[in-house]
Amino acid sequence: MLQTFKYNLFHNWTIIRIIRLTLSVIIIVQAIQLHDALFGVFGFFFLYQALSNTGCCAMNNCATTSTTNAVDEKEIEFEEVKNKS
């Protein structure tokens, strides 16, 4: 688990991860300035998402895989349909 977190920390940085990281830093700074604990929790939530490359989906139910198997790929046959008129 630690290896996965370490790999995610240094790889696959996308614009969404950068936005989450920036947003989390802004929210945490504001939470410290305003002495607002709930706001700080949201900031650390976004920070966790940015560092671990996770989203809001529970247990990665909506995650997509980037690998494809040759078994899954089937040749699709197309049939041309012409109008009789």
Protein backbone atom coordinates (compact mmCIF):
# COMPACT_ATOMS: atom_id res chain seq x y z
CA MET A 1 0.00 0.00 0.00
CA LEU A 2 2.85 2.36 0.79
CA GLN A 3 4.50 1.54 -2.53
CA THR A 4 1.29 2.42 -4.39
CA PHE A 5 0.95 5.71 -2.51
CA LYS A 6 4.60 6.57 -3.20
CA TYR A 7 4.14 5.77 -6.92
CA ASN A 8 0.95 7.87 -7.13
CA LEU A 9 2.67 10.74 -5.37
CA PHE A 10 5.33 11.12 -8.05
CA HIS A 11 3.57 9.95 -11.24
CA ASN A 12 0.51 10.74 -13.39
CA TRP A 13 0.14 14.42 -12.49
CA THR A 14 -2.76 15.86 -14.47
CA ILE A 15 -4.36 19.28 -14.51
CA ILE A 16 -7.10 18.04 -12.15
CA ARG A 17 -4.52 16.93 -9.59
CA ILE A 18 -2.78 20.30 -9.81
CA ILE A 19 -6.11 22.09 -9.36
CA ARG A 20 -6.91 19.92 -6.31
CA LEU A 21 -3.51 20.62 -4.82
CA THR A 22 -3.79 24.37 -5.39
CA LEU A 23 -7.35 24.44 -4.06
CA SER A 24 -6.39 22.45 -0.98
CA VAL A 25 -3.50 24.78 -0.15
CA ILE A 26 -5.75 27.84 -0.53
CA ILE A 27 -8.47 26.28 1.63
CA ILE A 28 -6.03 25.19 4.35
CA VAL A 29 -4.44 28.65 4.50
CA GLN A 30 -7.89 30.25 4.77
CA ALA A 31 -8.92 27.75 7.45
CA ILE A 32 -5.85 28.64 9.51
CA GLN A 33 -6.46 32.37 9.08
CA LEU A 34 -10.16 32.08 10.00
CA HIS A 35 -9.65 29.45 12.74
CA ASP A 36 -12.28 27.28 11.05
CA ALA A 37 -11.80 23.54 11.65
CA LEU A 38 -14.52 22.37 9.23
CA PHE A 39 -13.00 24.40 6.43
CA GLY A 40 -9.65 22.82 7.28
CA VAL A 41 -11.14 19.33 7.00
CA PHE A 42 -12.28 20.11 3.45
CA GLY A 43 -8.80 21.42 2.66
CA PHE A 44 -7.12 18.27 3.91
CA PHE A 45 -9.67 16.17 2.01
CA PHE A 46 -8.67 17.87 -1.25
CA LEU A 47 -5.00 17.56 -0.28
CA TYR A 48 -5.41 13.82 0.24
CA GLN A 49 -7.15 13.51 -3.13
CA ALA A 50 -4.36 15.40 -4.88
CA LEU A 51 -1.52 13.46 -3.28
CA SER A 52 -3.07 10.00 -3.61
CA ASN A 53 -4.63 10.59 -7.05
CA THR A 54 -8.10 9.54 -5.92
CA GLY A 55 -11.50 11.02 -6.58
CA CYS A 56 -14.80 11.21 -4.80
CA CYS A 57 -15.91 7.74 -5.89
CA ALA A 58 -16.17 5.17 -3.14
CA MET A 59 -13.64 2.35 -3.47
CA ASN A 60 -12.75 3.46 -7.04
CA ASN A 61 -16.05 2.19 -8.40
CA CYS A 62 -15.95 4.65 -11.27
CA ALA A 63 -12.24 4.27 -12.01
CA THR A 64 -11.27 3.24 -15.49
CA THR A 65 -8.42 0.98 -16.41
CA SER A 66 -5.83 2.13 -18.90
CA THR A 67 -4.75 -1.34 -19.99
CA THR A 68 -6.54 -3.31 -22.66
CA ASN A 69 -6.42 -7.02 -23.23
CA ALA A 70 -6.39 -8.59 -26.65
CA VAL A 71 -9.08 -11.00 -25.42
CA ASP A 72 -11.45 -8.11 -24.68
CA GLU A 73 -11.01 -6.57 -28.10
CA LYS A 74 -13.21 -8.26 -30.68
CA GLU A 75 -13.35 -7.49 -34.35
CA ILE A 76 -16.55 -5.64 -35.14
CA GLU A 77 -18.24 -6.52 -38.42
CA PHE A 78 -20.25 -3.83 -40.15
CA GLU A 79 -23.00 -4.41 -42.65
CA GLU A 80 -23.97 -1.67 -45.06
CA VAL A 81 -27.70 -1.04 -45.19
CA LYS A 82 -29.04 0.54 -48.40
CA ASN A 83 -32.44 2.05 -49.01
CA LYS A 84 -34.40 0.33 -51.83
CA SER A 85 -35.79 3.52 -53.30
